[in-house]
Amino acid sequence: MPMLGRMTGMAVSRATRQICDATFSDGENASALSLLELYAGAERERVHQALVRLSGGRLGRLRSWLDEAERNPETVRWFGESPSDVSPEIHAFGVEFINAFIDKHLDAPAGPE
């Protein structure tokens, strides 16, 4: 993960904080903001907001989507925003499908080393 940790401590925007406050419980909000600060890639605010929306208020999902943002921020923005190239129903199905996949594999043990 080339960008994680390189520019930590960068403040999350006020708009992103508001979305985070509305999405995460009070006990998890600070952790979510700390995780968001790890992303220092392109279009930071758009990616942050997409990450929060995609997480559905779950830190495990936020971590998984953050990993994806490091590899491919365009994918995160596509899933986290409303793309114009597909119907809203297809887009919603895609988000639900990927989040269900993430949820299923969050606690999967790592393979043999």
Protein backbone atom coordinates (compact mmCIF):
# COMPACT_ATOMS: atom_id res chain seq x y z
CA MET A 1 0.00 0.00 0.00
CA PRO A 2 2.09 2.87 -1.21
CA MET A 3 0.13 5.82 0.16
CA LEU A 4 -1.06 4.50 3.51
CA GLY A 5 0.82 6.05 6.34
CA ARG A 6 2.86 8.33 4.11
CA MET A 7 0.77 11.42 4.79
CA THR A 8 -1.07 10.59 8.01
CA GLY A 9 -2.44 13.34 10.16
CA MET A 10 -3.94 15.29 7.28
CA ALA A 11 -7.25 16.73 8.39
CA VAL A 12 -10.47 15.33 7.00
CA SER A 13 -12.70 18.02 5.48
CA ARG A 14 -15.63 19.47 7.38
CA ALA A 15 -18.12 17.99 4.87
CA THR A 16 -16.59 14.53 5.28
CA ARG A 17 -16.70 14.87 9.08
CA GLN A 18 -20.40 15.68 8.87
CA ILE A 19 -21.07 12.60 6.74
CA CYS A 20 -18.98 10.54 9.15
CA ASP A 21 -20.92 11.90 12.16
CA ALA A 22 -24.19 10.93 10.49
CA THR A 23 -22.95 7.47 9.47
CA PHE A 24 -20.92 6.12 12.40
CA SER A 25 -21.89 5.77 16.04
CA ASP A 26 -20.30 8.15 18.51
CA GLY A 27 -18.01 5.40 19.75
CA GLU A 28 -16.69 4.59 16.28
CA ASN A 29 -16.60 8.05 14.71
CA ALA A 30 -13.08 8.88 15.91
CA SER A 31 -11.76 5.55 14.61
CA ALA A 32 -13.42 6.11 11.24
CA LEU A 33 -11.88 9.58 10.96
CA SER A 34 -8.46 8.17 11.85
CA LEU A 35 -8.78 5.56 9.14
CA LEU A 36 -9.81 8.17 6.58
CA GLU A 37 -6.70 10.21 7.39
CA LEU A 38 -4.60 7.30 6.12
CA TYR A 39 -5.76 7.88 2.54
CA ALA A 40 -3.62 10.53 0.89
CA GLY A 41 -4.30 9.73 -2.74
CA ALA A 42 -5.94 11.58 -5.57
CA GLU A 43 -9.30 13.33 -5.12
CA ARG A 44 -9.04 12.82 -1.41
CA GLU A 45 -12.32 14.40 -0.34
CA ARG A 46 -14.39 12.56 -2.97
CA VAL A 47 -12.76 9.27 -2.02
CA HIS A 48 -13.24 9.94 1.71
CA GLN A 49 -16.93 10.61 1.22
CA ALA A 50 -17.35 7.57 -1.01
CA LEU A 51 -15.60 5.42 1.62
CA VAL A 52 -17.95 6.61 4.35
CA ARG A 53 -21.04 6.03 2.23
CA LEU A 54 -19.88 2.56 1.20
CA SER A 55 -19.03 1.57 4.76
CA GLY A 56 -22.63 1.85 5.93
CA GLY A 57 -21.28 2.80 9.34
CA ARG A 58 -19.18 -0.34 9.74
CA LEU A 59 -15.46 0.00 10.44
CA GLY A 60 -14.61 -3.37 8.88
CA ARG A 61 -16.15 -2.31 5.60
CA LEU A 62 -14.39 1.05 5.82
CA ARG A 63 -11.04 -0.74 6.17
CA SER A 64 -11.77 -2.99 3.19
CA TRP A 65 -12.87 -0.10 0.99
CA LEU A 66 -9.82 1.87 2.12
CA ASP A 67 -7.59 -0.95 0.88
CA GLU A 68 -9.41 -0.82 -2.45
CA ALA A 69 -9.01 2.97 -2.61
CA GLU A 70 -5.27 2.52 -2.34
CA ARG A 71 -5.30 0.13 -5.30
CA ASN A 72 -8.00 1.73 -7.39
CA PRO A 73 -9.63 4.98 -6.24
CA GLU A 74 -11.74 5.12 -9.41
CA THR A 75 -13.53 1.93 -8.37
CA VAL A 76 -14.30 3.37 -4.94
CA ARG A 77 -15.62 6.58 -6.46
CA TRP A 78 -17.75 4.62 -8.94
CA PHE A 79 -19.33 2.51 -6.20
CA GLY A 80 -19.57 5.39 -3.69
CA GLU A 81 -21.11 7.91 -6.05
CA SER A 82 -24.01 7.61 -8.49
CA PRO A 83 -22.57 6.80 -11.91
CA SER A 84 -24.47 7.97 -14.96
CA ASP A 85 -23.58 4.92 -17.08
CA VAL A 86 -25.89 2.47 -15.25
CA SER A 87 -29.36 2.58 -13.73
CA PRO A 88 -29.69 3.42 -10.03
CA GLU A 89 -31.06 -0.07 -9.44
CA ILE A 90 -28.05 -1.80 -11.01
CA HIS A 91 -25.70 0.48 -9.12
CA ALA A 92 -27.46 -0.25 -5.80
CA PHE A 93 -27.30 -3.98 -6.51
CA GLY A 94 -23.55 -3.72 -7.18
CA VAL A 95 -22.93 -1.88 -3.91
CA GLU A 96 -25.04 -4.34 -1.91
CA PHE A 97 -23.32 -7.31 -3.58
CA ILE A 98 -19.79 -6.04 -2.88
CA ASN A 99 -20.63 -5.08 0.71
CA ALA A 100 -22.12 -8.54 1.31
CA PHE A 101 -18.92 -10.06 -0.09
CA ILE A 102 -16.83 -7.85 2.20
CA ASP A 103 -18.97 -8.76 5.21
CA LYS A 104 -18.62 -12.46 4.45
CA HIS A 105 -14.82 -12.23 4.26
CA LEU A 106 -14.07 -9.70 7.02
CA ASP A 107 -13.15 -12.24 9.63
CA ALA A 108 -11.86 -14.95 7.32
CA PRO A 109 -8.60 -16.32 8.70
CA ALA A 110 -5.49 -15.68 6.68
CA GLY A 111 -4.20 -18.56 4.62
CA PRO A 112 -1.08 -20.52 5.56
CA GLU A 113 2.08 -18.48 5.46
